[in-house]
């Protein structure tokens, strides 16, 4: 498993270790990754950054030397490189838990994904794709900016970077004294000034969805959703769920099935975020074509998603889930100590 120091890494390590048949090796570019020190019985390996020219070579050699059967990447940037070299790993008997390259590119690009789903007549928020400040001004006006909030986000993002809710009517005093400095509320003029004369990335401008937000964890095989777990996002810290509860909602399940079946090549774990619109309909915010860190909350339901994902990669039949709702969860920080 790579990404041992990612936010979800330590929890996924602990989940994988619950299956004693798994001989777990963990890796990260950071030699002091948190996962390294909470699981001293796992072999730790330092890797180059995903953008390094020797990343694939070093990782492949490591897998061969350590007789790795299954590779589970947690780092988004690694997914793209690994999808390109999937065949190279398979030739050495190493199964990659990663979707096909085209599916990965589509699922991770918010603009392309919205365009794709719109063509397939699958509901998405009202949106525009803009390339410069003039187009940005035009798009927010078309979405009634000034009367209602509007959302902007980079087409290809990482976490919540670049995401802003533009709201002229938000109480600035309230934002200053009752919200943390990481609040994503802003205004069009503030964003325009921040861009300045620099070239801005391609941006998705969409309607603001004011209702409840849900996260969905799925395991996908050949366009079919094998597992679909829905959880509320009661509290969020820097884009990561910190509490919520598992619910059952057939309309949401059907919506996710439509999205998945429209994207050939999705395989393994795929996460989705959806939110309720003004009209009371859940619509897609984004998809994450990898295992999500908070997916380990399903352990409260007796479901070990990381292990099920490994089992799927090994070609084992997944037992039908018995319970998918009725449990709440709260996440907390935990320390790892090491000799400095």
Protein backbone atom coordinates (compact mmCIF):
# COMPACT_ATOMS: atom_id res chain seq x y z
CA UNK A 1 0.00 0.00 0.00
CA UNK A 2 1.37 3.39 -0.98
CA UNK A 3 0.46 6.69 0.68
CA UNK A 4 1.18 5.47 4.22
CA UNK A 5 1.28 9.08 5.39
CA UNK A 6 -1.88 10.27 3.64
CA UNK A 7 -4.81 11.34 5.86
CA UNK A 8 -6.54 8.01 5.39
CA UNK A 9 -3.37 5.90 5.33
CA UNK A 10 -3.09 4.88 9.01
CA UNK A 11 -6.76 3.84 9.18
CA UNK A 12 -6.52 1.76 6.01
CA UNK A 13 -3.34 0.10 7.31
CA UNK A 14 -5.16 -0.92 10.50
CA UNK A 15 -8.08 -2.25 8.46
CA UNK A 16 -5.82 -4.35 6.21
CA UNK A 17 -4.00 -5.77 9.24
CA UNK A 18 -7.27 -7.25 10.51
CA UNK A 19 -6.86 -9.94 7.85
CA UNK A 20 -3.95 -12.06 9.10
CA UNK A 21 -3.52 -13.65 5.66
CA UNK A 22 -2.26 -10.32 4.30
CA UNK A 23 1.48 -9.75 4.50
CA UNK A 24 1.39 -5.96 4.37
CA UNK A 25 4.14 -3.74 2.97
CA UNK A 26 3.61 0.03 3.13
CA UNK A 27 5.33 2.84 1.26
CA UNK A 28 5.50 6.62 1.06
CA UNK A 29 7.78 9.33 -0.34
CA UNK A 30 8.09 10.74 3.18
CA UNK A 31 10.47 8.68 5.33
CA UNK A 32 8.55 9.81 8.43
CA UNK A 33 5.08 9.01 7.11
CA UNK A 34 2.65 8.55 10.01
CA UNK A 35 1.65 5.06 8.90
CA UNK A 36 5.24 3.89 9.27
CA UNK A 37 5.20 4.34 13.03
CA UNK A 38 1.74 3.12 13.92
CA UNK A 39 2.44 -0.26 12.32
CA UNK A 40 6.01 -1.23 13.11
CA UNK A 41 5.25 -4.86 12.19
CA UNK A 42 4.73 -3.80 8.54
CA UNK A 43 7.69 -3.41 6.21
CA UNK A 44 8.11 0.25 5.23
CA UNK A 45 9.68 1.38 1.94
CA UNK A 46 10.50 4.91 0.84
CA UNK A 47 9.48 5.72 -2.75
CA UNK A 48 10.28 8.61 -5.08
CA UNK A 49 7.53 11.18 -5.64
CA UNK A 50 4.95 10.15 -8.24
CA UNK A 51 6.27 12.82 -10.61
CA UNK A 52 9.81 11.40 -10.56
CA UNK A 53 11.09 9.73 -13.73
CA UNK A 54 12.17 6.63 -11.81
CA UNK A 55 8.92 6.22 -9.83
CA UNK A 56 7.55 3.31 -11.88
CA UNK A 57 10.92 1.55 -12.15
CA UNK A 58 11.59 1.78 -8.39
CA UNK A 59 8.07 0.68 -7.47
CA UNK A 60 8.04 -2.23 -9.94
CA UNK A 61 11.43 -3.49 -8.75
CA UNK A 62 10.27 -3.22 -5.14
CA UNK A 63 7.16 -5.28 -5.89
CA UNK A 64 9.20 -7.92 -7.72
CA UNK A 65 11.86 -8.16 -5.00
CA UNK A 66 9.33 -8.35 -2.18
CA UNK A 67 7.01 -10.71 -4.09
CA UNK A 68 4.06 -8.32 -3.88
CA UNK A 69 0.82 -9.77 -5.31
CA UNK A 70 -1.44 -6.72 -5.05
CA UNK A 71 -0.64 -3.01 -5.15
CA UNK A 72 -3.10 -0.58 -3.51
CA UNK A 73 -2.22 3.08 -4.24
CA UNK A 74 -3.77 5.84 -2.11
CA UNK A 75 -2.13 8.80 -3.84
CA UNK A 76 -4.12 10.34 -6.70
CA UNK A 77 -1.04 11.38 -8.71
CA UNK A 78 0.25 7.81 -8.58
CA UNK A 79 -2.97 6.44 -10.07
CA UNK A 80 -2.40 8.06 -13.45
CA UNK A 81 1.15 6.75 -13.83
CA UNK A 82 0.18 3.29 -12.67
CA UNK A 83 -2.81 3.05 -15.04
CA UNK A 84 -0.44 3.67 -17.98
CA UNK A 85 1.91 0.88 -16.85
CA UNK A 86 -0.78 -1.54 -15.67
CA UNK A 87 0.21 -4.19 -18.20
CA UNK A 88 3.87 -4.00 -17.16
CA UNK A 89 2.94 -4.90 -13.58
CA UNK A 90 0.49 -7.61 -14.64
CA UNK A 91 3.22 -9.28 -16.70
CA UNK A 92 5.10 -9.75 -13.42
CA UNK A 93 2.01 -11.14 -11.68
CA UNK A 94 1.28 -7.91 -9.77
CA UNK A 95 -2.36 -6.83 -9.71
CA UNK A 96 -2.94 -3.07 -9.57
CA UNK A 97 -6.01 -1.70 -7.82
CA UNK A 98 -6.52 1.11 -10.31
CA UNK A 99 -9.07 1.89 -13.02
CA UNK A 100 -8.20 2.01 -16.72
CA UNK A 101 -6.43 5.14 -17.93
CA UNK A 102 -9.37 6.66 -19.86
CA UNK A 103 -11.84 6.04 -17.03
CA UNK A 104 -9.41 7.47 -14.51
CA UNK A 105 -8.84 10.62 -16.54
CA UNK A 106 -12.58 11.18 -16.95
CA UNK A 107 -13.54 10.47 -13.33
CA UNK A 108 -10.82 12.74 -11.93
CA UNK A 109 -11.60 15.73 -14.19
CA UNK A 110 -14.68 17.54 -12.88
CA UNK A 111 -15.26 19.46 -16.13
CA UNK A 112 -15.00 16.44 -18.42
CA UNK A 113 -17.10 14.36 -16.04
CA UNK A 114 -19.93 16.92 -15.92
CA UNK A 115 -19.87 17.22 -19.72
CA UNK A 116 -19.90 13.44 -20.10
CA UNK A 117 -22.82 12.95 -17.69
CA UNK A 118 -24.82 15.77 -19.29
CA UNK A 119 -24.43 14.08 -22.70
CA UNK A 120 -25.64 10.83 -21.12
CA UNK A 121 -28.69 12.69 -19.73
CA UNK A 122 -27.58 12.06 -16.14
CA UNK A 123 -28.44 14.97 -13.84
CA UNK A 124 -25.63 17.28 -12.72
CA UNK A 125 -25.66 20.83 -11.32
CA UNK A 126 -25.98 23.73 -13.80
CA UNK A 127 -22.43 24.51 -14.87
CA UNK A 128 -20.07 26.40 -17.16
CA UNK A 129 -16.42 25.75 -17.98
CA UNK A 130 -14.26 28.88 -18.13
CA UNK A 131 -10.68 29.61 -19.19
CA UNK A 132 -10.19 33.26 -18.26
CA UNK A 133 -11.48 36.05 -16.01
CA UNK A 134 -13.95 37.43 -18.56
CA UNK A 135 -15.57 34.03 -19.01
CA UNK A 136 -15.63 33.64 -15.23
CA UNK A 137 -17.54 36.93 -14.83
CA UNK A 138 -20.04 35.92 -17.55
CA UNK A 139 -20.62 32.47 -16.05
CA UNK A 140 -21.33 33.63 -12.49
CA UNK A 141 -23.78 36.25 -13.78
CA UNK A 142 -25.65 33.56 -15.77
CA UNK A 143 -25.94 31.60 -12.52
CA UNK A 144 -27.52 34.64 -10.78
CA UNK A 145 -24.47 35.56 -8.73
CA UNK A 146 -25.35 38.33 -6.29
CA UNK A 147 -28.76 36.79 -5.61
CA UNK A 148 -27.53 33.27 -4.89
CA UNK A 149 -24.09 31.79 -4.13
CA UNK A 150 -22.03 30.25 -6.95
CA UNK A 151 -19.30 27.59 -6.67
CA UNK A 152 -15.97 27.58 -8.50
CA UNK A 153 -13.38 24.81 -8.52
CA UNK A 154 -10.48 23.75 -10.75
CA UNK A 155 -11.39 21.03 -13.27
CA UNK A 156 -8.51 18.97 -11.93
CA UNK A 157 -8.17 19.54 -8.21
CA UNK A 158 -6.54 17.99 -5.19
CA UNK A 159 -8.52 17.94 -1.96
CA UNK A 160 -10.36 21.26 -1.60
CA UNK A 161 -7.62 23.35 -3.22
CA UNK A 162 -9.08 26.11 -5.38
CA UNK A 163 -12.68 25.49 -4.29
CA UNK A 164 -14.58 28.65 -3.34
CA UNK A 165 -18.21 29.53 -2.65
CA UNK A 166 -18.75 33.01 -4.09
CA UNK A 167 -21.34 34.83 -2.01
CA UNK A 168 -21.74 38.62 -2.00
CA UNK A 169 -24.33 38.38 0.77
CA UNK A 170 -22.33 36.28 3.25
CA UNK A 171 -21.91 38.08 6.59
CA UNK A 172 -18.24 39.17 6.52
CA UNK A 173 -18.28 39.81 10.29
CA UNK A 174 -19.57 36.27 10.86
CA UNK A 175 -16.90 34.82 8.53
CA UNK A 176 -14.17 36.78 10.29
CA UNK A 177 -15.01 35.88 13.88
CA UNK A 178 -16.96 32.61 13.69
CA UNK A 179 -15.19 30.72 10.89
CA UNK A 180 -11.63 29.43 10.69
CA UNK A 181 -9.24 31.14 8.24
CA UNK A 182 -9.66 28.08 6.00
CA UNK A 183 -13.28 29.03 5.21
CA UNK A 184 -14.01 28.63 1.48
CA UNK A 185 -16.39 31.59 1.25
CA UNK A 186 -15.23 34.41 -1.02
CA UNK A 187 -16.49 36.94 -3.58
CA UNK A 188 -15.99 37.32 -7.31
CA UNK A 189 -13.87 40.47 -6.87
CA UNK A 190 -11.59 38.73 -4.34
CA UNK A 191 -11.04 35.80 -6.72
CA UNK A 192 -10.44 38.10 -9.73
CA UNK A 193 -7.88 40.09 -7.70
CA UNK A 194 -6.16 36.88 -6.57
CA UNK A 195 -5.79 35.71 -10.18
CA UNK A 196 -4.37 39.07 -11.21
CA UNK A 197 -2.37 38.82 -14.41
CA UNK A 198 -1.51 35.16 -13.96
CA UNK A 199 -2.91 32.46 -16.25
CA UNK A 200 -5.70 30.71 -14.41
CA UNK A 201 -6.41 26.99 -14.73
CA UNK A 202 -9.56 25.71 -16.38
CA UNK A 203 -12.37 26.24 -13.88
CA UNK A 204 -15.77 24.68 -13.34
CA UNK A 205 -18.41 27.26 -12.36
CA UNK A 206 -21.58 25.66 -11.02
CA UNK A 207 -24.74 26.28 -9.09
CA UNK A 208 -24.45 26.13 -5.32
CA UNK A 209 -26.10 23.10 -3.74
CA UNK A 210 -27.32 24.17 -0.29
CA UNK A 211 -28.58 20.84 1.07
CA UNK A 212 -27.10 17.87 2.90
CA UNK A 213 -23.89 16.34 1.59
CA UNK A 214 -23.24 12.60 1.26
CA UNK A 215 -20.17 10.50 0.57
CA UNK A 216 -20.53 7.19 -1.24
CA UNK A 217 -17.96 4.38 -1.15
CA UNK A 218 -18.27 1.87 -3.97
CA UNK A 219 -16.47 -1.18 -5.28
CA UNK A 220 -16.92 -1.46 -9.05
CA UNK A 221 -16.46 -4.35 -11.49
CA UNK A 222 -17.09 -4.08 -15.25
CA UNK A 223 -19.56 -1.19 -14.93
CA UNK A 224 -21.44 -2.86 -12.06
CA UNK A 225 -21.51 -1.54 -8.50
CA UNK A 226 -20.76 -4.47 -6.17
CA UNK A 227 -20.78 -2.44 -2.93
CA UNK A 228 -22.45 0.91 -2.33
CA UNK A 229 -22.21 2.48 1.12
CA UNK A 230 -23.78 5.90 1.73
CA UNK A 231 -22.74 8.11 4.63
CA UNK A 232 -23.66 11.61 5.69
CA UNK A 233 -21.00 14.30 6.16
CA UNK A 234 -22.16 15.81 9.45
CA UNK A 235 -18.86 17.60 10.13
CA UNK A 236 -15.99 18.27 7.73
CA UNK A 237 -12.41 19.42 8.38
CA UNK A 238 -10.42 20.64 5.35
CA UNK A 239 -12.65 18.62 3.04
CA UNK A 240 -12.36 15.40 5.08
CA UNK A 241 -15.38 13.88 6.88
CA UNK A 242 -14.92 13.80 10.64
CA UNK A 243 -18.37 12.52 11.63
CA UNK A 244 -21.52 11.16 10.03
CA UNK A 245 -23.80 8.16 9.80
CA UNK A 246 -24.48 5.39 7.31
CA UNK A 247 -27.87 5.55 5.62
CA UNK A 248 -29.81 3.63 2.97
CA UNK A 249 -31.28 5.62 0.06
CA UNK A 250 -32.45 3.82 -3.08
CA UNK A 251 -32.59 7.01 -5.17
CA UNK A 252 -28.96 7.75 -4.33
CA UNK A 253 -27.94 4.16 -5.09
CA UNK A 254 -29.72 4.30 -8.47
CA UNK A 255 -28.04 7.64 -9.27
CA UNK A 256 -24.58 6.24 -8.51
CA UNK A 257 -25.32 3.12 -10.57
CA UNK A 258 -26.18 5.33 -13.57
CA UNK A 259 -22.94 7.28 -13.24
CA UNK A 260 -20.78 4.15 -12.88
CA UNK A 261 -22.41 2.31 -15.79
CA UNK A 262 -21.76 5.33 -18.04
CA UNK A 263 -17.96 5.21 -17.52
CA UNK A 264 -16.31 2.08 -19.03
CA UNK A 265 -13.09 0.99 -17.37
CA UNK A 266 -13.86 1.90 -13.76
CA UNK A 267 -12.59 -0.84 -11.47
CA UNK A 268 -12.10 -1.31 -7.75
CA UNK A 269 -12.78 1.45 -5.24
CA UNK A 270 -14.47 4.63 -6.47
CA UNK A 271 -15.76 7.37 -4.17
CA UNK A 272 -18.41 9.97 -4.84
CA UNK A 273 -19.55 13.18 -3.17
CA UNK A 274 -23.10 14.36 -3.79
CA UNK A 275 -25.17 17.23 -2.36
CA UNK A 276 -28.84 18.19 -2.32
CA UNK A 277 -29.92 20.99 -4.67
CA UNK A 278 -32.44 23.79 -4.09
CA UNK A 279 -35.04 21.48 -5.65
CA UNK A 280 -34.23 18.72 -3.14
CA UNK A 281 -32.40 16.44 -5.57
CA UNK A 282 -28.98 14.91 -4.85
CA UNK A 283 -26.46 15.88 -7.55
CA UNK A 284 -22.82 15.00 -8.08
CA UNK A 285 -20.08 17.22 -6.66
CA UNK A 286 -17.12 15.04 -7.66
CA UNK A 287 -15.78 11.50 -7.93
CA UNK A 288 -12.58 10.03 -6.51
CA UNK A 289 -11.38 6.98 -8.48
CA UNK A 290 -9.57 5.44 -5.50
CA UNK A 291 -10.25 4.24 -1.97
CA UNK A 292 -11.32 7.12 0.26
CA UNK A 293 -9.68 7.60 3.64
CA UNK A 294 -12.92 7.68 5.61
CA UNK A 295 -14.06 4.39 4.05
CA UNK A 296 -12.68 2.61 7.16
CA UNK A 297 -15.70 4.02 9.05
CA UNK A 298 -17.57 1.05 7.54
CA UNK A 299 -15.82 -1.16 10.09
CA UNK A 300 -18.62 -0.02 12.40
CA UNK A 301 -20.99 -1.95 10.14
CA UNK A 302 -18.71 -4.99 10.23
CA UNK A 303 -17.55 -4.19 6.66
CA UNK A 304 -13.82 -4.05 5.93
CA UNK A 305 -13.71 -2.21 2.60
CA UNK A 306 -9.88 -2.22 2.20
CA UNK A 307 -9.82 -6.03 2.61
CA UNK A 308 -12.80 -6.46 0.23
CA UNK A 309 -10.92 -4.38 -2.34
CA UNK A 310 -7.88 -6.65 -2.05
CA UNK A 311 -10.12 -9.73 -2.29
CA UNK A 312 -11.67 -8.32 -5.48
CA UNK A 313 -8.21 -7.78 -6.99
CA UNK A 314 -7.36 -11.42 -6.21
CA UNK A 315 -10.50 -12.58 -8.01
CA UNK A 316 -12.31 -13.76 -4.87
CA UNK A 317 -16.10 -13.60 -4.68
CA UNK A 318 -17.28 -10.87 -2.32
CA UNK A 319 -19.89 -11.93 0.22
CA UNK A 320 -23.12 -9.94 0.08
CA UNK A 321 -23.25 -7.10 2.60
CA UNK A 322 -25.69 -7.78 5.45
CA UNK A 323 -25.96 -4.32 7.00
CA UNK A 324 -25.34 -1.01 5.22
CA UNK A 325 -26.96 1.57 7.52
CA UNK A 326 -27.79 2.45 11.11
CA UNK A 327 -24.28 3.21 12.42
CA UNK A 328 -22.82 6.66 13.17
CA UNK A 329 -19.13 7.47 13.44
CA UNK A 330 -16.76 10.16 14.71
CA UNK A 331 -13.10 10.40 13.67
CA UNK A 332 -10.29 11.68 15.87
CA UNK A 333 -6.58 12.38 15.72
CA UNK A 334 -4.02 9.90 17.01
CA UNK A 335 -0.30 10.41 17.51
CA UNK A 336 2.64 8.36 16.26
CA UNK A 337 6.00 8.77 17.99
CA UNK A 338 9.48 8.09 16.59
CA UNK A 339 13.11 8.75 17.45
CA UNK A 340 14.15 12.07 15.90
